[in-house]
Protein backbone atom coordinates (compact mmCIF):
# COMPACT_ATOMS: atom_id res chain seq x y z
CA UNK A 1 54.54 142.72 18.08
CA UNK A 2 55.91 141.75 14.62
CA UNK A 3 59.17 140.00 15.86
CA UNK A 4 56.49 138.07 18.11
CA UNK A 5 54.09 137.25 15.11
CA UNK A 6 57.15 136.04 13.08
CA UNK A 7 58.09 133.09 15.92
CA UNK A 8 54.67 132.51 16.34
CA UNK A 9 54.39 132.00 12.98
CA UNK A 10 57.57 130.28 12.91
CA UNK A 11 56.62 127.67 15.80
CA UNK A 12 53.92 126.42 14.02
CA UNK A 13 55.18 125.74 10.99
CA UNK A 14 57.67 123.90 12.62
CA UNK A 15 55.33 122.53 14.22
CA UNK A 16 53.24 121.26 11.02
CA UNK A 17 56.37 120.48 9.16
CA UNK A 18 57.31 117.30 12.59
CA UNK A 19 53.01 116.35 12.39
CA UNK A 20 53.99 116.19 8.63
CA UNK A 21 56.70 113.81 8.79
CA UNK A 22 55.24 111.49 11.27
CA UNK A 23 52.11 111.12 8.70
CA UNK A 24 54.37 110.53 5.73
CA UNK A 25 55.94 107.81 8.04
CA UNK A 26 53.06 106.42 9.13
CA UNK A 27 51.47 106.57 6.16
CA UNK A 28 53.91 106.39 3.16
CA UNK A 29 52.02 108.44 0.89
CA UNK A 30 53.70 111.49 -0.36
CA UNK A 31 51.32 113.18 -2.63
CA UNK A 32 48.88 113.20 0.62
CA UNK A 33 50.99 115.09 2.67
CA UNK A 34 52.39 117.51 0.12
CA UNK A 35 48.07 117.88 -0.43
CA UNK A 36 47.54 118.48 3.37
CA UNK A 37 51.01 120.52 3.52
CA UNK A 38 49.94 123.58 1.14
CA UNK A 39 46.07 123.46 2.80
CA UNK A 40 47.50 124.05 6.03
CA UNK A 41 50.27 126.46 4.70
CA UNK A 42 47.30 128.41 3.30
CA UNK A 43 45.71 128.19 6.89
CA UNK A 44 48.37 129.49 8.90
CA UNK A 45 48.66 132.41 5.85
CA UNK A 46 45.14 133.21 6.82
CA UNK A 47 45.33 133.36 10.35
CA UNK A 48 49.19 135.32 10.14
CA UNK A 49 46.77 138.20 7.86
CA UNK A 50 44.08 138.20 10.17
CA UNK A 51 45.95 138.92 12.97
CA UNK A 52 48.27 141.54 11.19
CA UNK A 53 44.24 143.18 10.59
CA UNK A 54 43.10 142.93 14.27
CA UNK A 55 46.42 144.28 15.25
CA UNK A 56 49.21 146.05 13.60
CA UNK A 57 47.34 146.73 10.21
CA UNK A 58 50.04 146.15 7.30
CA UNK A 59 53.30 145.45 9.45
CA UNK A 60 52.68 141.98 8.40
CA UNK A 61 54.04 142.55 4.84
CA UNK A 62 57.61 142.83 7.65
CA UNK A 63 56.90 139.57 8.18
CA UNK A 64 56.02 137.44 5.20
């Protein structure tokens, strides 16, 4: 399960990275992209914590 969570988190991060790349090309505001990047990174971190708490407990330390 830990490996599944790892690949799931990596997939989300890559998807957001591509999304931010498109936003950077369209908007051109680097600071705005970085701002939203930290927000979504925090959101994904909380999501991983929730999934770990309900499914595998403290095993998320091995993922992060």
